[in-house]
C-alpha atoms as a PDB file:
ATOM      1  CA  UNK A   1     -25.725 -35.946 -44.896  1.00  0.00           C
ATOM      2  CA  UNK A   2     -25.540 -33.139 -47.436  1.00  0.00           C
ATOM      3  CA  UNK A   3     -23.628 -33.000 -50.709  1.00  0.00           C
ATOM      4  CA  UNK A   4     -22.193 -29.626 -51.675  1.00  0.00           C
ATOM      5  CA  UNK A   5     -21.045 -28.978 -55.230  1.00  0.00           C
ATOM      6  CA  UNK A   6     -17.998 -26.968 -56.319  1.00  0.00           C
ATOM      7  CA  UNK A   7     -16.770 -26.292 -52.803  1.00  0.00           C
ATOM      8  CA  UNK A   8     -19.925 -24.331 -52.014  1.00  0.00           C
ATOM      9  CA  UNK A   9     -19.932 -23.192 -48.429  1.00  0.00           C
ATOM     10  CA  UNK A  10     -16.359 -24.367 -47.940  1.00  0.00           C
ATOM     11  CA  UNK A  11     -14.772 -20.944 -47.602  1.00  0.00           C
ATOM     12  CA  UNK A  12     -13.332 -20.364 -44.200  1.00  0.00           C
ATOM     13  CA  UNK A  13     -12.909 -24.069 -43.433  1.00  0.00           C
ATOM     14  CA  UNK A  14      -9.509 -25.440 -42.468  1.00  0.00           C
ATOM     15  CA  UNK A  15      -8.944 -28.753 -44.238  1.00  0.00           C
ATOM     16  CA  UNK A  16      -6.794 -31.611 -42.926  1.00  0.00           C
ATOM     17  CA  UNK A  17      -5.636 -34.675 -44.829  1.00  0.00           C
ATOM     18  CA  UNK A  18      -6.640 -37.978 -43.281  1.00  0.00           C
ATOM     19  CA  UNK A  19      -3.868 -39.624 -41.272  1.00  0.00           C
ATOM     20  CA  UNK A  20      -4.628 -42.785 -43.283  1.00  0.00           C
ATOM     21  CA  UNK A  21      -3.852 -41.045 -46.599  1.00  0.00           C
ATOM     22  CA  UNK A  22      -0.417 -41.592 -48.047  1.00  0.00           C
ATOM     23  CA  UNK A  23       1.834 -38.785 -49.257  1.00  0.00           C
ATOM     24  CA  UNK A  24       2.358 -40.580 -52.569  1.00  0.00           C
ATOM     25  CA  UNK A  25      -0.577 -38.884 -54.313  1.00  0.00           C
ATOM     26  CA  UNK A  26      -2.924 -41.847 -54.088  1.00  0.00           C
ATOM     27  CA  UNK A  27      -6.440 -41.822 -52.722  1.00  0.00           C
ATOM     28  CA  UNK A  28      -6.579 -39.016 -50.163  1.00  0.00           C
ATOM     29  CA  UNK A  29      -9.435 -37.723 -48.071  1.00  0.00           C
ATOM     30  CA  UNK A  30      -9.525 -34.335 -46.370  1.00  0.00           C
ATOM     31  CA  UNK A  31     -11.803 -33.308 -43.535  1.00  0.00           C
ATOM     32  CA  UNK A  32     -12.814 -29.986 -42.006  1.00  0.00           C
ATOM     33  CA  UNK A  33     -15.199 -29.121 -39.209  1.00  0.00           C
ATOM     34  CA  UNK A  34     -17.458 -26.284 -38.216  1.00  0.00           C
ATOM     35  CA  UNK A  35     -19.746 -26.011 -35.178  1.00  0.00           C
ATOM     36  CA  UNK A  36     -22.462 -28.222 -36.690  1.00  0.00           C
ATOM     37  CA  UNK A  37     -20.860 -30.454 -39.331  1.00  0.00           C
ATOM     38  CA  UNK A  38     -17.888 -32.491 -40.473  1.00  0.00           C
ATOM     39  CA  UNK A  39     -17.012 -31.899 -44.134  1.00  0.00           C
ATOM     40  CA  UNK A  40     -15.256 -34.516 -46.293  1.00  0.00           C
ATOM     41  CA  UNK A  41     -13.723 -34.098 -49.761  1.00  0.00           C
ATOM     42  CA  UNK A  42     -11.297 -35.702 -52.204  1.00  0.00           C
ATOM     43  CA  UNK A  43      -7.964 -33.903 -51.833  1.00  0.00           C
ATOM     44  CA  UNK A  44      -7.302 -34.186 -55.577  1.00  0.00           C
ATOM     45  CA  UNK A  45     -10.558 -32.347 -56.348  1.00  0.00           C
ATOM     46  CA  UNK A  46     -10.657 -29.658 -53.680  1.00  0.00           C
ATOM     47  CA  UNK A  47     -13.168 -27.549 -55.624  1.00  0.00           C
ATOM     48  CA  UNK A  48     -15.366 -30.544 -56.430  1.00  0.00           C
ATOM     49  CA  UNK A  49     -18.227 -32.079 -54.470  1.00  0.00           C
ATOM     50  CA  UNK A  50     -17.938 -32.566 -50.741  1.00  0.00           C
ATOM     51  CA  UNK A  51     -19.989 -34.323 -48.112  1.00  0.00           C
ATOM     52  CA  UNK A  52     -21.207 -32.662 -44.935  1.00  0.00           C
ATOM     53  CA  UNK A  53     -22.251 -34.814 -41.979  1.00  0.00           C
ATOM     54  CA  UNK A  54     -24.062 -33.496 -38.932  1.00  0.00           C
ATOM     55  CA  UNK A  55     -21.904 -33.908 -35.827  1.00  0.00           C
ATOM     56  CA  UNK A  56     -24.189 -36.683 -34.483  1.00  0.00           C
ATOM     57  CA  UNK A  57     -24.108 -38.565 -37.819  1.00  0.00           C
ATOM     58  CA  UNK A  58     -20.317 -38.368 -37.900  1.00  0.00           C
ATOM     59  CA  UNK A  59     -20.090 -39.568 -34.287  1.00  0.00           C
ATOM     60  CA  UNK A  60     -22.307 -42.560 -35.070  1.00  0.00           C
ATOM     61  CA  UNK A  61     -20.191 -43.388 -38.138  1.00  0.00           C
ATOM     62  CA  UNK A  62     -16.915 -43.236 -36.180  1.00  0.00           C
ATOM     63  CA  UNK A  63     -18.477 -45.273 -33.365  1.00  0.00           C
ATOM     64  CA  UNK A  64     -19.507 -47.914 -35.906  1.00  0.00           C
ATOM     65  CA  UNK A  65     -15.990 -48.059 -37.322  1.00  0.00           C
ATOM     66  CA  UNK A  66     -14.523 -48.530 -33.863  1.00  0.00           C
ATOM     67  CA  UNK A  67     -17.030 -51.287 -33.117  1.00  0.00           C
ATOM     68  CA  UNK A  68     -16.136 -53.074 -36.364  1.00  0.00           C
ATOM     69  CA  UNK A  69     -19.593 -52.657 -37.876  1.00  0.00           C
ATOM     70  CA  UNK A  70     -18.221 -51.779 -41.341  1.00  0.00           C
ATOM     71  CA  UNK A  71     -15.843 -53.685 -43.594  1.00  0.00           C
ATOM     72  CA  UNK A  72     -12.737 -51.789 -44.658  1.00  0.00           C
END
């Protein structure tokens, strides 16, 4: 996992709000992908820090969620 500050490297990405985020302005997460990584950021701070997960790391995380390995 990498942490990018101030939206660095985020130009050209197409961001999508999580389907679990409400439209009421609460806690929202946005994701974007490129050929090697999944990027995650807080929608209220689009120019702030963001996380970048290698495709394999992201796949393992999602697999763990589906298997119930993490508490919500």
